[in-house]
Amino acid sequence: MPLIAKYPTTCGVCSAPISPGEEISAVGRRWAHGSCVTGPTRVTGSARRAVPEPMPAAAGALEVWTDGACSGNPGPGGWAWATADGRQASGGAPATTNQRMEIQAALEAVRALDGPLVVVSDSTYVVNCFRDAWWRGWLTRDWVNSGKKPVANRDLWEPLITAVRDRADISFRWVKGHSGDRMNDLVDQLAVEAAQALRPASQPGRPPA
């Protein structure tokens, strides 16, 4: 039988909230959404870390890397996307969260680029929404999650999900952050710079990815 959360907490994989009543799984000494650990896993020390399986990609799909960064919760944040052929964009918001910036980055990429796409993200929150079709349950329940709470960040999820459904040529692929992937490092840098541009002068420093 699946484990069910009794108390609110934060997912140890995607960092999204876990609400009472949601299915959960153990990840090392932390809890995670059951859907975040349904894919193949690898072991690092005592921690069991989810590695999302890739989605099938459309023929000739363009890869676009996306990332978000934020300092504080909420705080100044930035988003960015880039392709290997040199196209890129970035932006930010003065009071936001890292989760919102991760979704915003994917949304901006999908809006800007035509044709088949593979959105490459180090956010399991973004990738698993489409890999595991979380969005289908959200729509069926009228934007209520499995814990019977309103879906967080609906204002960003809704246009992204609509675009992905309408086009039917977009897939998502997870990449481990800060692991030497040149394009992942690039969009991380662009997102951090966008966030820093919105940071008050009295708050110097690099926001966390």
C-alpha atoms as a PDB file:
ATOM      1  CA  MET A   1       0.000   0.000   0.000  1.00  0.00           C
ATOM      2  CA  PRO A   2       1.270   3.520  -0.738  1.00  0.00           C
ATOM      3  CA  LEU A   3       2.311   5.799   2.100  1.00  0.00           C
ATOM      4  CA  ILE A   4       0.083   8.819   2.649  1.00  0.00           C
ATOM      5  CA  ALA A   5       1.321  12.110   4.082  1.00  0.00           C
ATOM      6  CA  LYS A   6      -0.262  13.033   7.411  1.00  0.00           C
ATOM      7  CA  TYR A   7       1.428  16.421   7.760  1.00  0.00           C
ATOM      8  CA  PRO A   8       2.499  19.148   5.311  1.00  0.00           C
ATOM      9  CA  THR A   9       6.144  19.071   4.292  1.00  0.00           C
ATOM     10  CA  THR A  10       8.396  19.757   1.296  1.00  0.00           C
ATOM     11  CA  CYS A  11       9.337  17.221  -1.374  1.00  0.00           C
ATOM     12  CA  GLY A  12      12.965  16.150  -1.132  1.00  0.00           C
ATOM     13  CA  VAL A  13      13.169  15.762  -4.931  1.00  0.00           C
ATOM     14  CA  CYS A  14      11.212  18.597  -6.590  1.00  0.00           C
ATOM     15  CA  SER A  15      11.035  20.969  -3.565  1.00  0.00           C
ATOM     16  CA  ALA A  16       7.302  21.507  -4.113  1.00  0.00           C
ATOM     17  CA  PRO A  17       4.928  21.349  -1.134  1.00  0.00           C
ATOM     18  CA  ILE A  18       3.524  18.003  -0.007  1.00  0.00           C
ATOM     19  CA  SER A  19       0.008  18.273   1.369  1.00  0.00           C
ATOM     20  CA  PRO A  20      -1.686  15.862   3.799  1.00  0.00           C
ATOM     21  CA  GLY A  21      -3.373  13.079   1.860  1.00  0.00           C
ATOM     22  CA  GLU A  22      -0.828  12.907  -0.968  1.00  0.00           C
ATOM     23  CA  GLU A  23       1.073   9.709  -1.760  1.00  0.00           C
ATOM     24  CA  ILE A  24       4.692   9.889  -0.628  1.00  0.00           C
ATOM     25  CA  SER A  25       7.903   7.849  -0.734  1.00  0.00           C
ATOM     26  CA  ALA A  26      11.060   7.949   1.357  1.00  0.00           C
ATOM     27  CA  VAL A  27      14.147   9.550  -0.234  1.00  0.00           C
ATOM     28  CA  GLY A  28      17.022   9.038   2.160  1.00  0.00           C
ATOM     29  CA  ARG A  29      15.915  10.772   5.353  1.00  0.00           C
ATOM     30  CA  ARG A  30      13.349  12.955   3.603  1.00  0.00           C
ATOM     31  CA  TRP A  31       9.938  12.481   2.020  1.00  0.00           C
ATOM     32  CA  ALA A  32       9.039  13.009  -1.633  1.00  0.00           C
ATOM     33  CA  HIS A  33       5.953  12.875  -3.809  1.00  0.00           C
ATOM     34  CA  GLY A  34       5.325   9.310  -4.896  1.00  0.00           C
ATOM     35  CA  SER A  35       5.366  10.475  -8.523  1.00  0.00           C
ATOM     36  CA  CYS A  36       8.826  11.984  -8.054  1.00  0.00           C
ATOM     37  CA  VAL A  37      10.381   8.590  -7.372  1.00  0.00           C
ATOM     38  CA  THR A  38       8.532   6.403  -9.844  1.00  0.00           C
ATOM     39  CA  GLY A  39      11.345   6.489 -12.402  1.00  0.00           C
ATOM     40  CA  PRO A  40      14.686   4.661 -12.258  1.00  0.00           C
ATOM     41  CA  THR A  41      16.833   5.590  -9.265  1.00  0.00           C
ATOM     42  CA  ARG A  42      20.492   5.782  -8.482  1.00  0.00           C
ATOM     43  CA  VAL A  43      22.082   5.588  -5.059  1.00  0.00           C
ATOM     44  CA  THR A  44      24.327   8.300  -3.650  1.00  0.00           C
ATOM     45  CA  GLY A  45      25.398   7.336  -0.152  1.00  0.00           C
ATOM     46  CA  SER A  46      22.255   6.530   1.759  1.00  0.00           C
ATOM     47  CA  ALA A  47      20.036   8.755  -0.387  1.00  0.00           C
ATOM     48  CA  ARG A  48      17.770   7.364  -3.080  1.00  0.00           C
ATOM     49  CA  ARG A  49      17.517  10.021  -5.815  1.00  0.00           C
ATOM     50  CA  ALA A  50      15.007   9.963  -8.660  1.00  0.00           C
ATOM     51  CA  VAL A  51      16.248  10.182 -12.238  1.00  0.00           C
ATOM     52  CA  PRO A  52      13.298  10.951 -14.539  1.00  0.00           C
ATOM     53  CA  GLU A  53      13.044   8.782 -17.628  1.00  0.00           C
ATOM     54  CA  PRO A  54      13.225  10.732 -20.896  1.00  0.00           C
ATOM     55  CA  MET A  55      10.043  11.376 -22.845  1.00  0.00           C
ATOM     56  CA  PRO A  56       9.854  10.428 -26.533  1.00  0.00           C
ATOM     57  CA  ALA A  57      10.947  13.367 -28.683  1.00  0.00           C
ATOM     58  CA  ALA A  58       9.481  14.417 -32.019  1.00  0.00           C
ATOM     59  CA  ALA A  59      11.677  13.879 -35.072  1.00  0.00           C
ATOM     60  CA  GLY A  60      14.071  16.763 -35.633  1.00  0.00           C
ATOM     61  CA  ALA A  61      13.182  18.430 -32.334  1.00  0.00           C
ATOM     62  CA  LEU A  62      15.255  21.420 -31.254  1.00  0.00           C
ATOM     63  CA  GLU A  63      16.739  21.190 -27.770  1.00  0.00           C
ATOM     64  CA  VAL A  64      16.281  24.244 -25.567  1.00  0.00           C
ATOM     65  CA  TRP A  65      17.795  24.462 -22.103  1.00  0.00           C
ATOM     66  CA  THR A  66      15.885  26.347 -19.393  1.00  0.00           C
ATOM     67  CA  ASP A  67      16.587  27.345 -15.804  1.00  0.00           C
ATOM     68  CA  GLY A  68      15.360  29.536 -12.982  1.00  0.00           C
ATOM     69  CA  ALA A  69      17.064  31.139 -10.001  1.00  0.00           C
ATOM     70  CA  CYS A  70      15.788  33.006  -6.967  1.00  0.00           C
ATOM     71  CA  SER A  71      17.101  34.658  -3.823  1.00  0.00           C
ATOM     72  CA  GLY A  72      14.626  34.309  -0.990  1.00  0.00           C
ATOM     73  CA  ASN A  73      11.151  32.838  -0.960  1.00  0.00           C
ATOM     74  CA  PRO A  74       9.801  35.083  -2.243  1.00  0.00           C
ATOM     75  CA  GLY A  75      12.635  37.235  -3.502  1.00  0.00           C
ATOM     76  CA  PRO A  76      14.191  38.573  -6.710  1.00  0.00           C
ATOM     77  CA  GLY A  77      14.395  35.835  -9.311  1.00  0.00           C
ATOM     78  CA  GLY A  78      15.423  35.199 -12.886  1.00  0.00           C
ATOM     79  CA  TRP A  79      14.606  32.815 -15.728  1.00  0.00           C
ATOM     80  CA  ALA A  80      16.506  31.952 -18.900  1.00  0.00           C
ATOM     81  CA  TRP A  81      16.457  29.733 -21.968  1.00  0.00           C
ATOM     82  CA  ALA A  82      19.091  29.066 -24.622  1.00  0.00           C
ATOM     83  CA  THR A  83      19.705  26.844 -27.633  1.00  0.00           C
ATOM     84  CA  ALA A  84      22.998  25.442 -28.869  1.00  0.00           C
ATOM     85  CA  ASP A  85      22.763  27.579 -32.030  1.00  0.00           C
ATOM     86  CA  GLY A  86      23.028  30.790 -29.993  1.00  0.00           C
ATOM     87  CA  ARG A  87      19.430  31.864 -29.440  1.00  0.00           C
ATOM     88  CA  GLN A  88      18.686  32.861 -25.864  1.00  0.00           C
ATOM     89  CA  ALA A  89      16.546  35.082 -23.642  1.00  0.00           C
ATOM     90  CA  SER A  90      16.246  35.915 -19.963  1.00  0.00           C
ATOM     91  CA  GLY A  91      14.165  37.982 -17.590  1.00  0.00           C
ATOM     92  CA  GLY A  92      13.050  38.149 -14.009  1.00  0.00           C
ATOM     93  CA  ALA A  93      10.609  39.221 -11.336  1.00  0.00           C
ATOM     94  CA  PRO A  94      11.281  41.232  -8.152  1.00  0.00           C
ATOM     95  CA  ALA A  95       9.278  39.009  -5.788  1.00  0.00           C
ATOM     96  CA  THR A  96       9.008  35.385  -6.876  1.00  0.00           C
ATOM     97  CA  THR A  97      10.148  31.819  -6.098  1.00  0.00           C
ATOM     98  CA  ASN A  98      12.551  29.388  -7.698  1.00  0.00           C
ATOM     99  CA  GLN A  99       9.667  27.121  -8.726  1.00  0.00           C
ATOM    100  CA  ARG A 100       7.927  29.965 -10.528  1.00  0.00           C
ATOM    101  CA  MET A 101      11.108  30.895 -12.365  1.00  0.00           C
ATOM    102  CA  GLU A 102      11.646  27.290 -13.492  1.00  0.00           C
ATOM    103  CA  ILE A 103       8.128  27.197 -14.967  1.00  0.00           C
ATOM    104  CA  GLN A 104       8.492  30.696 -16.440  1.00  0.00           C
ATOM    105  CA  ALA A 105      11.705  29.674 -18.208  1.00  0.00           C
ATOM    106  CA  ALA A 106       9.996  26.744 -19.907  1.00  0.00           C
ATOM    107  CA  LEU A 107       6.962  28.856 -20.787  1.00  0.00           C
ATOM    108  CA  GLU A 108       9.069  31.605 -22.353  1.00  0.00           C
ATOM    109  CA  ALA A 109      11.031  29.071 -24.403  1.00  0.00           C
ATOM    110  CA  VAL A 110       7.869  27.423 -25.715  1.00  0.00           C
ATOM    111  CA  ARG A 111       6.376  30.797 -26.586  1.00  0.00           C
ATOM    112  CA  ALA A 112       9.509  31.958 -28.407  1.00  0.00           C
ATOM    113  CA  LEU A 113      10.430  28.861 -30.421  1.00  0.00           C
ATOM    114  CA  ASP A 114       8.371  27.240 -33.167  1.00  0.00           C
ATOM    115  CA  GLY A 115       8.493  23.625 -34.262  1.00  0.00           C
ATOM    116  CA  PRO A 116       9.248  20.446 -32.311  1.00  0.00           C
ATOM    117  CA  LEU A 117      11.080  21.066 -29.037  1.00  0.00           C
ATOM    118  CA  VAL A 118      12.815  19.176 -26.274  1.00  0.00           C
ATOM    119  CA  VAL A 119      12.810  21.346 -23.164  1.00  0.00           C
ATOM    120  CA  VAL A 120      15.869  20.402 -21.095  1.00  0.00           C
ATOM    121  CA  SER A 121      15.533  21.355 -17.426  1.00  0.00           C
ATOM    122  CA  ASP A 122      17.192  20.463 -14.122  1.00  0.00           C
ATOM    123  CA  SER A 123      13.811  20.906 -12.417  1.00  0.00           C
ATOM    124  CA  THR A 124      11.969  17.653 -11.716  1.00  0.00           C
ATOM    125  CA  TYR A 125       9.023  19.889 -10.797  1.00  0.00           C
ATOM    126  CA  VAL A 126       8.785  20.954 -14.452  1.00  0.00           C
ATOM    127  CA  VAL A 127       9.871  17.705 -16.131  1.00  0.00           C
ATOM    128  CA  ASN A 128       7.697  15.372 -14.056  1.00  0.00           C
ATOM    129  CA  CYS A 129       4.583  17.468 -14.659  1.00  0.00           C
ATOM    130  CA  PHE A 130       4.729  16.331 -18.279  1.00  0.00           C
ATOM    131  CA  ARG A 131       6.626  13.045 -17.998  1.00  0.00           C
ATOM    132  CA  ASP A 132       4.155  11.736 -15.415  1.00  0.00           C
ATOM    133  CA  ALA A 133       1.191  13.757 -16.735  1.00  0.00           C
ATOM    134  CA  TRP A 134       0.430  15.481 -13.440  1.00  0.00           C
ATOM    135  CA  TRP A 135      -1.446  18.048 -15.510  1.00  0.00           C
ATOM    136  CA  ARG A 136      -4.111  15.518 -16.513  1.00  0.00           C
ATOM    137  CA  GLY A 137      -5.165  15.083 -12.894  1.00  0.00           C
ATOM    138  CA  TRP A 138      -5.118  18.834 -12.336  1.00  0.00           C
ATOM    139  CA  LEU A 139      -7.450  19.425 -15.262  1.00  0.00           C
ATOM    140  CA  THR A 140      -9.738  16.538 -14.302  1.00  0.00           C
ATOM    141  CA  ARG A 141     -10.051  17.937 -10.772  1.00  0.00           C
ATOM    142  CA  ASP A 142     -10.421  21.551 -11.983  1.00  0.00           C
ATOM    143  CA  TRP A 143      -6.958  22.637 -10.834  1.00  0.00           C
ATOM    144  CA  VAL A 144      -7.002  20.853  -7.500  1.00  0.00           C
ATOM    145  CA  ASN A 145      -4.072  18.569  -6.642  1.00  0.00           C
ATOM    146  CA  SER A 146      -4.271  15.055  -5.218  1.00  0.00           C
ATOM    147  CA  GLY A 147      -4.194  16.549  -1.725  1.00  0.00           C
ATOM    148  CA  LYS A 148      -7.379  18.504  -2.534  1.00  0.00           C
ATOM    149  CA  LYS A 149      -5.512  21.822  -2.496  1.00  0.00           C
ATOM    150  CA  PRO A 150      -5.411  24.416  -5.294  1.00  0.00           C
ATOM    151  CA  VAL A 151      -2.500  23.774  -7.671  1.00  0.00           C
ATOM    152  CA  ALA A 152       0.326  26.192  -6.903  1.00  0.00           C
ATOM    153  CA  ASN A 153       1.492  28.494  -9.696  1.00  0.00           C
ATOM    154  CA  ARG A 154      -1.580  27.858 -11.832  1.00  0.00           C
ATOM    155  CA  ASP A 155      -1.122  31.212 -13.596  1.00  0.00           C
ATOM    156  CA  LEU A 156       2.105  29.857 -15.126  1.00  0.00           C
ATOM    157  CA  TRP A 157       1.226  26.185 -15.411  1.00  0.00           C
ATOM    158  CA  GLU A 158      -2.027  26.825 -17.296  1.00  0.00           C
ATOM    159  CA  PRO A 159      -0.545  28.616 -20.339  1.00  0.00           C
ATOM    160  CA  LEU A 160       2.412  26.200 -20.456  1.00  0.00           C
ATOM    161  CA  ILE A 161       0.174  23.130 -20.342  1.00  0.00           C
ATOM    162  CA  THR A 162      -2.157  24.656 -22.933  1.00  0.00           C
ATOM    163  CA  ALA A 163       0.750  25.321 -25.294  1.00  0.00           C
ATOM    164  CA  VAL A 164       2.154  21.811 -24.869  1.00  0.00           C
ATOM    165  CA  ARG A 165      -1.270  20.233 -25.483  1.00  0.00           C
ATOM    166  CA  ASP A 166      -2.038  22.412 -28.499  1.00  0.00           C
ATOM    167  CA  ARG A 167       1.299  21.787 -30.218  1.00  0.00           C
ATOM    168  CA  ALA A 168       1.764  18.078 -29.414  1.00  0.00           C
ATOM    169  CA  ASP A 169       5.425  18.274 -30.480  1.00  0.00           C
ATOM    170  CA  ILE A 170       7.064  19.263 -27.190  1.00  0.00           C
ATOM    171  CA  SER A 171       8.788  16.881 -24.801  1.00  0.00           C
ATOM    172  CA  PHE A 172      10.806  17.415 -21.630  1.00  0.00           C
ATOM    173  CA  ARG A 173      14.140  15.977 -20.534  1.00  0.00           C
ATOM    174  CA  TRP A 174      15.797  16.191 -17.127  1.00  0.00           C
ATOM    175  CA  VAL A 175      19.465  17.099 -16.735  1.00  0.00           C
ATOM    176  CA  LYS A 176      21.348  17.133 -13.456  1.00  0.00           C
ATOM    177  CA  GLY A 177      22.177  20.702 -12.491  1.00  0.00           C
ATOM    178  CA  HIS A 178      25.782  21.848 -12.025  1.00  0.00           C
ATOM    179  CA  SER A 179      27.071  18.602 -13.512  1.00  0.00           C
ATOM    180  CA  GLY A 180      29.194  19.990 -16.330  1.00  0.00           C
ATOM    181  CA  ASP A 181      26.472  20.312 -18.985  1.00  0.00           C
ATOM    182  CA  ARG A 182      27.628  23.406 -20.882  1.00  0.00           C
ATOM    183  CA  MET A 183      24.164  24.620 -21.827  1.00  0.00           C
ATOM    184  CA  ASN A 184      22.731  23.987 -18.373  1.00  0.00           C
ATOM    185  CA  ASP A 185      25.558  26.037 -16.920  1.00  0.00           C
ATOM    186  CA  LEU A 186      24.840  28.814 -19.428  1.00  0.00           C
ATOM    187  CA  VAL A 187      21.150  29.159 -18.605  1.00  0.00           C
ATOM    188  CA  ASP A 188      21.963  28.975 -14.898  1.00  0.00           C
ATOM    189  CA  GLN A 189      24.342  31.903 -15.351  1.00  0.00           C
ATOM    190  CA  LEU A 190      21.796  33.887 -17.362  1.00  0.00           C
ATOM    191  CA  ALA A 191      19.040  33.280 -14.800  1.00  0.00           C
ATOM    192  CA  VAL A 192      21.322  34.263 -11.921  1.00  0.00           C
ATOM    193  CA  GLU A 193      22.339  37.468 -13.725  1.00  0.00           C
ATOM    194  CA  ALA A 194      18.687  38.332 -14.375  1.00  0.00           C
ATOM    195  CA  ALA A 195      17.915  37.837 -10.679  1.00  0.00           C
ATOM    196  CA  GLN A 196      20.925  39.864  -9.596  1.00  0.00           C
ATOM    197  CA  ALA A 197      19.795  42.769 -11.765  1.00  0.00           C
ATOM    198  CA  LEU A 198      16.656  42.989  -9.602  1.00  0.00           C
ATOM    199  CA  ARG A 199      18.425  42.597  -6.263  1.00  0.00           C
ATOM    200  CA  PRO A 200      18.627  45.725  -4.061  1.00  0.00           C
ATOM    201  CA  ALA A 201      22.136  47.139  -3.816  1.00  0.00           C
ATOM    202  CA  SER A 202      22.146  46.318  -0.089  1.00  0.00           C
ATOM    203  CA  GLN A 203      21.800  42.588  -0.868  1.00  0.00           C
ATOM    204  CA  PRO A 204      24.889  41.584  -2.871  1.00  0.00           C
ATOM    205  CA  GLY A 205      25.724  38.008  -3.745  1.00  0.00           C
ATOM    206  CA  ARG A 206      24.712  35.128  -5.973  1.00  0.00           C
ATOM    207  CA  PRO A 207      21.164  33.814  -5.557  1.00  0.00           C
ATOM    208  CA  PRO A 208      20.855  30.061  -5.159  1.00  0.00           C
ATOM    209  CA  ALA A 209      20.019  28.132  -8.320  1.00  0.00           C
END
